[in-house]
Amino acid sequence: MSEVNELQMLREKVERYVEIIRNMSTPIIPSIVPSTILIPIAGYIDQTRFEAIRSKTLAYIGNSRDTERAIFDFTGVTIEDVASFDYNSLASEIFQLNDSMALMGVRPIYVGFNPRFVREIVHAGIQVEIETYVTFRAALQQLIRETSTPLASM
């Protein structure tokens, strides 16, 4: 096999792995609360990743028209995972995600922000008007109280 062919095969393999990682990096999980989905977010966050999260979530909602609420869980994101991200850009990405959900008629809810991350956002003077909860469990408990509906069957 020539070096050119081998190099092309390796590039194709890397592209397949990158696509697999992208698909795994934003799972969308139906919740036990009806019409609610969970999007756990863990690891490194940058603008490209936010765009992928937004695109995948919007596509899911477009295909699952019964979705009324989307809970984005940032528990798995450490301050180091966003260290190279400008906080103004990060806030802008959250606003875009929030606005996209609202335009689709879906209530976005955010949980699990790291305390240091929150402090940096506030310290930077960034105004954030989003619905947040400390944990996924707290958000689910609130939704159960609001909806007064039985949980979805497992």
N, C-alpha and C. Protein backbone atom coordinates (compact mmCIF):
# COMPACT_ATOMS: atom_id res chain seq x y z
N MET A 1 0.85 -1.18 0.00
CA MET A 1 0.00 0.00 0.00
C MET A 1 0.89 1.24 0.00
N SER A 2 0.55 2.19 -0.82
CA SER A 2 1.37 3.40 -0.93
C SER A 2 1.13 4.29 0.30
N GLU A 3 2.08 5.18 0.53
CA GLU A 3 1.96 6.11 1.66
C GLU A 3 0.75 7.03 1.50
N VAL A 4 0.46 7.42 0.27
CA VAL A 4 -0.67 8.30 0.01
C VAL A 4 -1.99 7.59 0.37
N ASN A 5 -2.13 6.35 -0.07
CA ASN A 5 -3.34 5.58 0.26
C ASN A 5 -3.47 5.34 1.75
N GLU A 6 -2.36 5.02 2.38
CA GLU A 6 -2.38 4.78 3.82
C GLU A 6 -2.76 6.05 4.58
N LEU A 7 -2.21 7.17 4.15
CA LEU A 7 -2.53 8.46 4.78
C LEU A 7 -4.01 8.79 4.59
N GLN A 8 -4.56 8.53 3.41
CA GLN A 8 -5.98 8.78 3.15
C GLN A 8 -6.85 7.89 4.03
N MET A 9 -6.49 6.64 4.18
CA MET A 9 -7.24 5.72 5.04
C MET A 9 -7.22 6.19 6.49
N LEU A 10 -6.07 6.65 6.95
CA LEU A 10 -5.97 7.15 8.32
C LEU A 10 -6.82 8.41 8.52
N ARG A 11 -6.83 9.30 7.54
CA ARG A 11 -7.67 10.50 7.63
C ARG A 11 -9.15 10.12 7.72
N GLU A 12 -9.57 9.18 6.89
CA GLU A 12 -10.96 8.73 6.92
C GLU A 12 -11.32 8.10 8.26
N LYS A 13 -10.39 7.35 8.81
CA LYS A 13 -10.62 6.73 10.12
C LYS A 13 -10.76 7.80 11.21
N VAL A 14 -9.89 8.80 11.17
CA VAL A 14 -9.96 9.89 12.14
C VAL A 14 -11.29 10.63 12.01
N GLU A 15 -11.73 10.89 10.78
CA GLU A 15 -13.02 11.56 10.57
C GLU A 15 -14.17 10.75 11.14
N ARG A 16 -14.14 9.44 10.97
CA ARG A 16 -15.19 8.57 11.55
C ARG A 16 -15.18 8.66 13.07
N TYR A 17 -13.98 8.64 13.67
CA TYR A 17 -13.88 8.73 15.13
C TYR A 17 -14.35 10.08 15.64
N VAL A 18 -14.03 11.14 14.93
CA VAL A 18 -14.49 12.48 15.31
C VAL A 18 -16.01 12.52 15.29
N GLU A 19 -16.63 11.96 14.27
CA GLU A 19 -18.09 11.93 14.17
C GLU A 19 -18.70 11.11 15.31
N ILE A 20 -18.09 9.99 15.66
CA ILE A 20 -18.57 9.17 16.78
C ILE A 20 -18.50 9.97 18.07
N ILE A 21 -17.41 10.66 18.29
CA ILE A 21 -17.24 11.46 19.51
C ILE A 21 -18.28 12.58 19.55
N ARG A 22 -18.51 13.24 18.42
CA ARG A 22 -19.53 14.30 18.38
C ARG A 22 -20.90 13.75 18.77
N ASN A 23 -21.25 12.60 18.23
CA ASN A 23 -22.56 12.02 18.53
C ASN A 23 -22.68 11.61 20.00
N MET A 24 -21.59 11.14 20.57
CA MET A 24 -21.63 10.72 21.97
C MET A 24 -21.55 11.90 22.93
N SER A 25 -21.05 13.03 22.46
CA SER A 25 -20.80 14.15 23.37
C SER A 25 -22.06 14.90 23.76
N THR A 26 -23.18 14.64 23.09
CA THR A 26 -24.42 15.32 23.43
C THR A 26 -25.58 14.33 23.40
N PRO A 27 -25.63 13.45 24.38
CA PRO A 27 -26.78 12.53 24.40
C PRO A 27 -28.04 13.28 24.81
N ILE A 28 -29.17 12.85 24.26
CA ILE A 28 -30.46 13.42 24.63
C ILE A 28 -31.28 12.28 25.20
N ILE A 29 -31.70 12.45 26.46
CA ILE A 29 -32.34 11.38 27.20
C ILE A 29 -33.75 11.80 27.59
N PRO A 30 -34.77 11.00 27.21
CA PRO A 30 -36.12 11.31 27.69
C PRO A 30 -36.16 11.18 29.21
N SER A 31 -36.84 12.10 29.85
CA SER A 31 -36.93 12.13 31.31
C SER A 31 -38.13 11.35 31.80
N ILE A 32 -38.17 11.09 33.11
CA ILE A 32 -39.34 10.45 33.70
C ILE A 32 -40.50 11.43 33.81
N VAL A 33 -40.21 12.73 33.68
CA VAL A 33 -41.26 13.73 33.65
C VAL A 33 -41.72 13.83 32.19
N PRO A 34 -42.99 13.62 31.91
CA PRO A 34 -43.46 13.64 30.52
C PRO A 34 -43.10 14.94 29.80
N SER A 35 -42.79 14.81 28.52
CA SER A 35 -42.48 15.94 27.63
C SER A 35 -41.21 16.69 28.02
N THR A 36 -40.33 16.01 28.74
CA THR A 36 -39.09 16.63 29.23
C THR A 36 -37.91 15.78 28.79
N ILE A 37 -36.86 16.45 28.29
CA ILE A 37 -35.64 15.74 27.92
C ILE A 37 -34.48 16.26 28.76
N LEU A 38 -33.47 15.42 28.91
CA LEU A 38 -32.25 15.77 29.64
C LEU A 38 -31.10 15.74 28.65
N ILE A 39 -30.29 16.79 28.69
CA ILE A 39 -29.08 16.85 27.87
C ILE A 39 -27.90 17.03 28.83
N PRO A 40 -27.25 15.91 29.22
CA PRO A 40 -26.08 16.04 30.09
C PRO A 40 -24.88 16.54 29.29
N ILE A 41 -24.19 17.51 29.84
CA ILE A 41 -23.02 18.09 29.17
C ILE A 41 -21.83 17.92 30.09
N ALA A 42 -20.81 17.26 29.57
CA ALA A 42 -19.60 17.02 30.38
C ALA A 42 -18.38 17.30 29.52
N GLY A 43 -17.31 17.69 30.19
CA GLY A 43 -16.05 17.88 29.49
C GLY A 43 -15.88 19.25 28.88
N TYR A 44 -14.89 19.33 28.03
CA TYR A 44 -14.46 20.58 27.42
C TYR A 44 -15.58 21.24 26.62
N ILE A 45 -15.74 22.54 26.82
CA ILE A 45 -16.78 23.31 26.12
C ILE A 45 -16.11 24.44 25.33
N ASP A 46 -16.47 24.53 24.07
CA ASP A 46 -16.05 25.66 23.25
C ASP A 46 -17.20 26.02 22.32
N GLN A 47 -16.99 27.00 21.48
CA GLN A 47 -18.06 27.49 20.61
C GLN A 47 -18.56 26.39 19.68
N THR A 48 -17.66 25.60 19.13
CA THR A 48 -18.05 24.52 18.23
C THR A 48 -18.91 23.49 18.95
N ARG A 49 -18.54 23.18 20.18
CA ARG A 49 -19.33 22.21 20.96
C ARG A 49 -20.71 22.78 21.26
N PHE A 50 -20.80 24.06 21.62
CA PHE A 50 -22.10 24.68 21.87
C PHE A 50 -22.97 24.64 20.62
N GLU A 51 -22.37 24.91 19.47
CA GLU A 51 -23.12 24.86 18.22
C GLU A 51 -23.65 23.45 17.98
N ALA A 52 -22.84 22.44 18.27
CA ALA A 52 -23.27 21.05 18.10
C ALA A 52 -24.41 20.71 19.07
N ILE A 53 -24.29 21.17 20.31
CA ILE A 53 -25.35 20.93 21.30
C ILE A 53 -26.65 21.57 20.83
N ARG A 54 -26.56 22.83 20.40
CA ARG A 54 -27.74 23.54 19.94
C ARG A 54 -28.37 22.85 18.72
N SER A 55 -27.55 22.50 17.74
CA SER A 55 -28.05 21.86 16.52
C SER A 55 -28.69 20.51 16.80
N LYS A 56 -28.03 19.70 17.59
CA LYS A 56 -28.56 18.37 17.88
C LYS A 56 -29.87 18.46 18.68
N THR A 57 -29.91 19.38 19.64
CA THR A 57 -31.11 19.55 20.45
C THR A 57 -32.28 20.05 19.60
N LEU A 58 -32.03 21.03 18.76
CA LEU A 58 -33.09 21.55 17.89
C LEU A 58 -33.60 20.48 16.93
N ALA A 59 -32.69 19.68 16.39
CA ALA A 59 -33.11 18.60 15.49
C ALA A 59 -33.97 17.59 16.24
N TYR A 60 -33.57 17.25 17.46
CA TYR A 60 -34.35 16.31 18.26
C TYR A 60 -35.75 16.86 18.53
N ILE A 61 -35.81 18.12 18.93
CA ILE A 61 -37.10 18.75 19.23
C ILE A 61 -37.96 18.81 17.97
N GLY A 62 -37.34 19.09 16.83
CA GLY A 62 -38.08 19.11 15.58
C GLY A 62 -38.70 17.78 15.24
N ASN A 63 -38.03 16.70 15.63
CA ASN A 63 -38.53 15.35 15.37
C ASN A 63 -39.44 14.83 16.48
N SER A 64 -39.35 15.41 17.66
CA SER A 64 -40.14 14.98 18.82
C SER A 64 -40.97 16.17 19.27
N ARG A 65 -42.02 16.42 18.58
CA ARG A 65 -42.82 17.63 18.81
C ARG A 65 -43.52 17.66 20.16
N ASP A 66 -43.50 16.57 20.91
CA ASP A 66 -44.13 16.58 22.23
C ASP A 66 -43.19 17.12 23.31
N THR A 67 -41.97 17.47 22.95
CA THR A 67 -41.01 18.00 23.92
C THR A 67 -41.41 19.42 24.32
N GLU A 68 -41.59 19.63 25.63
CA GLU A 68 -41.97 20.94 26.15
C GLU A 68 -40.88 21.57 27.00
N ARG A 69 -39.99 20.72 27.54
CA ARG A 69 -38.93 21.20 28.42
C ARG A 69 -37.63 20.47 28.11
N ALA A 70 -36.52 21.22 28.18
CA ALA A 70 -35.20 20.64 27.97
C ALA A 70 -34.31 21.06 29.15
N ILE A 71 -33.79 20.07 29.85
CA ILE A 71 -32.90 20.35 30.98
C ILE A 71 -31.46 20.09 30.54
N PHE A 72 -30.66 21.16 30.57
CA PHE A 72 -29.25 21.07 30.23
C PHE A 72 -28.46 20.95 31.53
N ASP A 73 -27.82 19.80 31.71
CA ASP A 73 -27.12 19.51 32.97
C ASP A 73 -25.62 19.72 32.78
N PHE A 74 -25.09 20.77 33.40
CA PHE A 74 -23.68 21.13 33.31
C PHE A 74 -22.85 20.59 34.48
N THR A 75 -23.40 19.64 35.22
CA THR A 75 -22.70 19.09 36.39
C THR A 75 -21.32 18.55 36.02
N GLY A 76 -21.19 17.96 34.84
CA GLY A 76 -19.93 17.36 34.42
C GLY A 76 -18.94 18.32 33.80
N VAL A 77 -19.21 19.62 33.86
CA VAL A 77 -18.31 20.63 33.29
C VAL A 77 -17.56 21.31 34.43
N THR A 78 -16.25 21.20 34.40
CA THR A 78 -15.43 21.85 35.42
C THR A 78 -14.97 23.21 34.94
N ILE A 79 -14.45 24.00 35.83
CA ILE A 79 -13.95 25.33 35.46
C ILE A 79 -12.81 25.20 34.46
N GLU A 80 -12.04 24.13 34.55
CA GLU A 80 -10.95 23.90 33.61
C GLU A 80 -11.49 23.63 32.20
N ASP A 81 -12.68 23.05 32.13
CA ASP A 81 -13.28 22.73 30.83
C ASP A 81 -13.70 23.98 30.07
N VAL A 82 -13.86 25.09 30.77
CA VAL A 82 -14.24 26.34 30.12
C VAL A 82 -13.18 27.42 30.31
N ALA A 83 -12.00 27.03 30.81
CA ALA A 83 -10.96 28.00 31.14
C ALA A 83 -10.53 28.84 29.94
N SER A 84 -10.48 28.24 28.77
CA SER A 84 -10.02 28.99 27.59
C SER A 84 -11.17 29.71 26.89
N PHE A 85 -12.37 29.59 27.43
CA PHE A 85 -13.56 30.19 26.82
C PHE A 85 -13.78 31.57 27.45
N ASP A 86 -13.86 32.58 26.63
CA ASP A 86 -14.17 33.92 27.10
C ASP A 86 -15.58 33.89 27.71
N TYR A 87 -15.75 34.42 28.91
CA TYR A 87 -17.04 34.33 29.60
C TYR A 87 -18.14 35.10 28.88
N ASN A 88 -17.80 36.19 28.19
CA ASN A 88 -18.80 36.89 27.40
C ASN A 88 -19.29 35.99 26.25
N SER A 89 -18.36 35.28 25.62
CA SER A 89 -18.74 34.36 24.54
C SER A 89 -19.57 33.21 25.09
N LEU A 90 -19.19 32.73 26.27
CA LEU A 90 -19.93 31.63 26.89
C LEU A 90 -21.35 32.06 27.22
N ALA A 91 -21.49 33.24 27.78
CA ALA A 91 -22.83 33.76 28.08
C ALA A 91 -23.63 33.93 26.80
N SER A 92 -22.98 34.40 25.75
CA SER A 92 -23.65 34.56 24.46
C SER A 92 -24.14 33.22 23.93
N GLU A 93 -23.34 32.19 24.06
CA GLU A 93 -23.74 30.85 23.61
C GLU A 93 -24.94 30.34 24.41
N ILE A 94 -24.93 30.59 25.71
CA ILE A 94 -26.07 30.17 26.55
C ILE A 94 -27.32 30.94 26.13
N PHE A 95 -27.18 32.24 25.87
CA PHE A 95 -28.33 33.03 25.41
C PHE A 95 -28.87 32.49 24.09
N GLN A 96 -27.97 32.16 23.16
CA GLN A 96 -28.41 31.63 21.87
C GLN A 96 -29.14 30.30 22.05
N LEU A 97 -28.61 29.46 22.92
CA LEU A 97 -29.26 28.19 23.21
C LEU A 97 -30.63 28.44 23.81
N ASN A 98 -30.68 29.35 24.77
CA ASN A 98 -31.93 29.71 25.43
C ASN A 98 -32.96 30.25 24.43
N ASP A 99 -32.54 31.19 23.60
CA ASP A 99 -33.44 31.79 22.61
C ASP A 99 -33.91 30.76 21.58
N SER A 100 -33.02 29.87 21.17
CA SER A 100 -33.40 28.83 20.21
C SER A 100 -34.49 27.93 20.78
N MET A 101 -34.33 27.56 22.04
CA MET A 101 -35.34 26.71 22.68
C MET A 101 -36.68 27.45 22.79
N ALA A 102 -36.61 28.70 23.19
CA ALA A 102 -37.84 29.49 23.34
C ALA A 102 -38.57 29.63 22.01
N LEU A 103 -37.83 29.84 20.93
CA LEU A 103 -38.45 29.96 19.61
C LEU A 103 -39.11 28.65 19.17
N MET A 104 -38.61 27.54 19.68
CA MET A 104 -39.21 26.24 19.35
C MET A 104 -40.38 25.93 20.30
N GLY A 105 -40.63 26.83 21.26
CA GLY A 105 -41.72 26.60 22.20
C GLY A 105 -41.34 25.66 23.32
N VAL A 106 -40.04 25.52 23.56
CA VAL A 106 -39.53 24.61 24.59
C VAL A 106 -38.91 25.44 25.72
N ARG A 107 -39.23 25.05 26.93
CA ARG A 107 -38.71 25.73 28.12
C ARG A 107 -37.32 25.20 28.46
N PRO A 108 -36.29 26.02 28.31
CA PRO A 108 -34.94 25.58 28.67
C PRO A 108 -34.68 25.75 30.16
N ILE A 109 -34.08 24.75 30.76
CA ILE A 109 -33.74 24.77 32.19
C ILE A 109 -32.28 24.33 32.30
N TYR A 110 -31.54 25.02 33.14
CA TYR A 110 -30.12 24.73 33.29
C TYR A 110 -29.83 24.31 34.72
N VAL A 111 -29.01 23.27 34.86
CA VAL A 111 -28.66 22.78 36.20
C VAL A 111 -27.17 22.49 36.27
N GLY A 112 -26.67 22.49 37.51
CA GLY A 112 -25.33 22.01 37.78
C GLY A 112 -24.18 22.93 37.45
N PHE A 113 -24.42 24.25 37.38
CA PHE A 113 -23.30 25.13 37.11
C PHE A 113 -22.32 25.11 38.28
N ASN A 114 -21.05 25.06 37.98
CA ASN A 114 -19.98 25.08 38.95
C ASN A 114 -19.96 26.43 39.67
N PRO A 115 -19.84 26.46 41.02
CA PRO A 115 -19.85 27.74 41.75
C PRO A 115 -18.78 28.72 41.27
N ARG A 116 -17.61 28.24 40.94
CA ARG A 116 -16.56 29.14 40.46
C ARG A 116 -16.93 29.71 39.09
N PHE A 117 -17.52 28.89 38.26
CA PHE A 117 -17.99 29.32 36.95
C PHE A 117 -19.02 30.44 37.11
N VAL A 118 -19.96 30.26 38.03
CA VAL A 118 -20.99 31.27 38.30
C VAL A 118 -20.33 32.56 38.80
N ARG A 119 -19.38 32.43 39.69
CA ARG A 119 -18.68 33.60 40.23
C ARG A 119 -17.99 34.38 39.11
N GLU A 120 -17.36 33.67 38.19
CA GLU A 120 -16.67 34.34 37.07
C GLU A 120 -17.67 35.06 36.17
N ILE A 121 -18.82 34.46 35.92
CA ILE A 121 -19.85 35.09 35.09
C ILE A 121 -20.34 36.38 35.77
N VAL A 122 -20.63 36.29 37.06
CA VAL A 122 -21.12 37.45 37.81
C VAL A 122 -20.03 38.52 37.89
N HIS A 123 -18.79 38.09 38.18
CA HIS A 123 -17.67 39.02 38.29
C HIS A 123 -17.43 39.76 36.96
N ALA A 124 -17.67 39.09 35.85
CA ALA A 124 -17.49 39.73 34.54
C ALA A 124 -18.63 40.70 34.22
N GLY A 125 -19.63 40.75 35.08
CA GLY A 125 -20.73 41.68 34.89
C GLY A 125 -21.72 41.25 33.82
N ILE A 126 -21.75 39.95 33.54
CA ILE A 126 -22.63 39.43 32.49
C ILE A 126 -24.01 39.18 33.08
N GLN A 127 -25.02 39.77 32.46
CA GLN A 127 -26.40 39.59 32.89
C GLN A 127 -26.94 38.29 32.31
N VAL A 128 -27.39 37.39 33.17
CA VAL A 128 -27.91 36.10 32.73
C VAL A 128 -29.32 35.94 33.29
N GLU A 129 -30.28 35.83 32.40
CA GLU A 129 -31.66 35.62 32.82
C GLU A 129 -32.14 34.28 32.28
N ILE A 130 -31.77 33.22 33.01
CA ILE A 130 -32.17 31.88 32.63
C ILE A 130 -32.68 31.16 33.86
N GLU A 131 -33.47 30.13 33.63
CA GLU A 131 -33.98 29.33 34.74
C GLU A 131 -32.92 28.30 35.13
N THR A 132 -32.50 28.34 36.39
CA THR A 132 -31.46 27.43 36.86
C THR A 132 -31.86 26.74 38.15
N TYR A 133 -31.26 25.57 38.36
CA TYR A 133 -31.40 24.82 39.61
C TYR A 133 -30.04 24.25 39.95
N VAL A 134 -29.84 23.96 41.21
CA VAL A 134 -28.56 23.43 41.66
C VAL A 134 -28.30 22.05 41.05
N THR A 135 -29.33 21.20 41.04
CA THR A 135 -29.16 19.83 40.56
C THR A 135 -30.28 19.43 39.62
N PHE A 136 -30.05 18.37 38.89
CA PHE A 136 -31.06 17.78 38.02
C PHE A 136 -32.27 17.34 38.85
N ARG A 137 -31.98 16.76 39.99
CA ARG A 137 -33.06 16.30 40.88
C ARG A 137 -33.96 17.47 41.31
N ALA A 138 -33.36 18.59 41.68
CA ALA A 138 -34.15 19.76 42.09
C ALA A 138 -35.03 20.25 40.95
N ALA A 139 -34.51 20.26 39.74
CA ALA A 139 -35.30 20.68 38.58
C ALA A 139 -36.46 19.72 38.35
N LEU A 140 -36.19 18.42 38.43
CA LEU A 140 -37.26 17.43 38.24
C LEU A 140 -38.33 17.55 39.32
N GLN A 141 -37.91 17.75 40.55
CA GLN A 141 -38.88 17.91 41.63
C GLN A 141 -39.78 19.11 41.38
N GLN A 142 -39.21 20.21 40.91
CA GLN A 142 -40.00 21.40 40.60
C GLN A 142 -40.98 21.12 39.46
N LEU A 143 -40.53 20.44 38.44
CA LEU A 143 -41.40 20.12 37.30
C LEU A 143 -42.54 19.18 37.71
N ILE A 144 -42.24 18.25 38.58
CA ILE A 144 -43.29 17.34 39.07
C ILE A 144 -44.34 18.12 39.85
N ARG A 145 -43.88 19.06 40.69
CA ARG A 145 -44.83 19.89 41.43
C ARG A 145 -45.68 20.73 40.48
N GLU A 146 -45.07 21.30 39.46
CA GLU A 146 -45.79 22.16 38.52
C GLU A 146 -46.80 21.40 37.67
N THR A 147 -46.40 20.25 37.17
CA THR A 147 -47.24 19.53 36.24
C THR A 147 -48.32 18.72 36.91
N SER A 148 -48.09 18.30 38.14
CA SER A 148 -49.04 17.46 38.88
C SER A 148 -49.52 16.29 38.02
N THR A 149 -48.62 15.78 37.21
CA THR A 149 -48.96 14.63 36.38
C THR A 149 -48.12 13.45 36.82
N PRO A 150 -48.64 12.25 36.57
CA PRO A 150 -47.85 11.07 36.92
C PRO A 150 -46.59 10.99 36.07
N LEU A 151 -45.58 10.36 36.62
CA LEU A 151 -44.33 10.21 35.89
C LEU A 151 -44.53 9.26 34.73
N ALA A 152 -43.72 9.41 33.70
CA ALA A 152 -43.80 8.52 32.55
C ALA A 152 -43.43 7.12 32.99
N SER A 153 -44.06 6.14 32.40
CA SER A 153 -43.76 4.75 32.77
C SER A 153 -42.41 4.37 32.20
N MET A 154 -41.71 3.58 32.94
CA MET A 154 -40.35 3.19 32.56
C MET A 154 -40.40 2.01 31.61
